[in-house]
Amino acid sequence: MANIYEKLQKMRLALSEEGIKGSGKNTYSNYNYVSLEDIIPKIIKLMSDNKVSSFTSFTNDMATLTLVDCEKPDATIAFTSPMSTAKLKTCHEVQNLGAVQTYL
């Protein structure tokens, strides 16, 4: 049975081999980008196939993504990032919070 680090590496390799093309378009700066819709379904499938789950948590200072090995729930990997703020034009406070969480 693979450990959580082997599972993570297997998922990273499989995702890199997907050849994902960004469907998002920034017409102002004229570039394409990868949107959540481009990658999340693929990541969910890879995680299911490899028996890995994840959850995200936020504090005032830190955002954390935790991967959990479903076959050995004590085996986890945590990825952290400092929290930030967003001030998107014409957006209210909750939309800005959502932007921060999505970008993190």
Protein backbone atom coordinates (compact mmCIF):
# COMPACT_ATOMS: atom_id res chain seq x y z
CA MET A 1 0.00 0.00 0.00
CA ALA A 2 1.37 3.42 -0.96
CA ASN A 3 1.94 6.01 1.73
CA ILE A 4 0.43 9.49 1.49
CA TYR A 5 3.58 10.99 -0.05
CA GLU A 6 3.60 8.35 -2.80
CA LYS A 7 -0.09 9.02 -3.41
CA LEU A 8 0.52 12.76 -3.64
CA GLN A 9 3.37 12.26 -6.12
CA LYS A 10 1.25 9.88 -8.22
CA MET A 11 -1.57 12.46 -8.33
CA ARG A 12 0.85 15.28 -9.22
CA LEU A 13 2.29 13.23 -12.07
CA ALA A 14 -1.14 12.25 -13.40
CA LEU A 15 -2.35 15.86 -13.25
CA SER A 16 0.76 17.08 -15.07
CA GLU A 17 0.11 14.53 -17.82
CA GLU A 18 -3.47 15.77 -18.35
CA GLY A 19 -2.35 18.56 -20.71
CA ILE A 20 -4.81 20.98 -19.16
CA LYS A 21 -5.47 24.03 -21.31
CA GLY A 22 -6.80 27.12 -19.58
CA SER A 23 -10.36 28.00 -20.56
CA GLY A 24 -10.35 31.33 -18.74
CA LYS A 25 -9.70 34.45 -20.78
CA ASN A 26 -8.50 37.82 -19.53
CA THR A 27 -9.47 40.13 -22.38
CA TYR A 28 -8.02 43.21 -20.68
CA SER A 29 -4.44 41.84 -20.47
CA ASN A 30 -4.97 39.34 -23.33
CA TYR A 31 -4.02 36.02 -21.74
CA ASN A 32 -5.63 32.67 -20.95
CA TYR A 33 -5.61 31.11 -17.50
CA VAL A 34 -6.56 27.84 -15.86
CA SER A 35 -9.85 28.17 -14.00
CA LEU A 36 -11.14 26.04 -11.15
CA GLU A 37 -13.54 24.36 -13.59
CA ASP A 38 -10.51 23.21 -15.61
CA ILE A 39 -8.77 21.44 -12.74
CA ILE A 40 -11.09 20.68 -9.81
CA PRO A 41 -12.98 17.78 -11.49
CA LYS A 42 -9.66 16.18 -12.44
CA ILE A 43 -8.25 16.62 -8.94
CA ILE A 44 -11.40 15.17 -7.34
CA LYS A 45 -11.16 12.10 -9.62
CA LEU A 46 -7.45 11.62 -8.87
CA MET A 47 -8.07 11.92 -5.15
CA SER A 48 -10.91 9.41 -5.31
CA ASP A 49 -8.83 6.97 -7.36
CA ASN A 50 -5.96 7.25 -4.86
CA LYS A 51 -8.13 7.20 -1.73
CA VAL A 52 -7.11 10.67 -0.59
CA SER A 53 -9.40 13.38 0.73
CA SER A 54 -8.80 17.01 1.62
CA PHE A 55 -10.18 19.84 3.66
CA THR A 56 -9.40 23.52 3.87
CA SER A 57 -9.36 25.67 6.98
CA PHE A 58 -8.80 29.37 7.53
CA THR A 59 -7.75 31.47 10.50
CA ASN A 60 -7.12 35.21 10.56
CA ASP A 61 -3.46 34.53 9.82
CA MET A 62 -3.26 31.25 7.90
CA ALA A 63 -4.97 29.18 5.22
CA THR A 64 -4.38 25.42 5.40
CA LEU A 65 -5.12 22.66 2.90
CA THR A 66 -4.83 19.24 4.53
CA LEU A 67 -4.60 16.01 2.54
CA VAL A 68 -5.73 12.87 4.36
CA ASP A 69 -4.94 9.28 3.40
CA CYS A 70 -8.38 7.63 3.57
CA GLU A 71 -6.73 4.24 4.12
CA LYS A 72 -4.71 5.58 7.06
CA PRO A 73 -6.49 8.72 8.35
CA ASP A 74 -3.65 9.58 10.74
CA ALA A 75 -1.41 10.18 7.70
CA THR A 76 -1.83 13.78 6.57
CA ILE A 77 0.06 16.48 4.69
CA ALA A 78 -0.69 20.13 5.40
CA PHE A 79 -0.01 22.98 2.99
CA THR A 80 -0.17 26.47 4.52
CA SER A 81 -0.24 30.00 3.20
CA PRO A 82 -0.45 33.31 5.02
CA MET A 83 -3.85 34.94 4.78
CA SER A 84 -4.25 38.09 2.73
CA THR A 85 -6.97 40.48 1.66
CA ALA A 86 -8.67 41.40 -1.59
CA LYS A 87 -10.26 44.62 -2.70
CA LEU A 88 -11.95 43.79 -5.97
CA LYS A 89 -13.83 46.62 -7.64
CA THR A 90 -17.63 46.58 -7.23
CA CYS A 91 -17.48 43.62 -4.83
CA HIS A 92 -18.79 43.54 -1.30
CA GLU A 93 -16.91 42.20 1.73
CA VAL A 94 -18.09 38.59 1.39
CA GLN A 95 -17.13 38.49 -2.29
CA ASN A 96 -13.68 39.78 -1.41
CA LEU A 97 -13.35 37.07 1.27
CA GLY A 98 -14.37 34.47 -1.33
CA ALA A 99 -11.73 35.85 -3.70
CA VAL A 100 -9.05 35.52 -1.01
CA GLN A 101 -10.07 31.94 -0.25
CA THR A 102 -10.23 30.97 -3.93
CA TYR A 103 -6.85 32.46 -4.79
CA LEU A 104 -5.18 30.95 -1.72
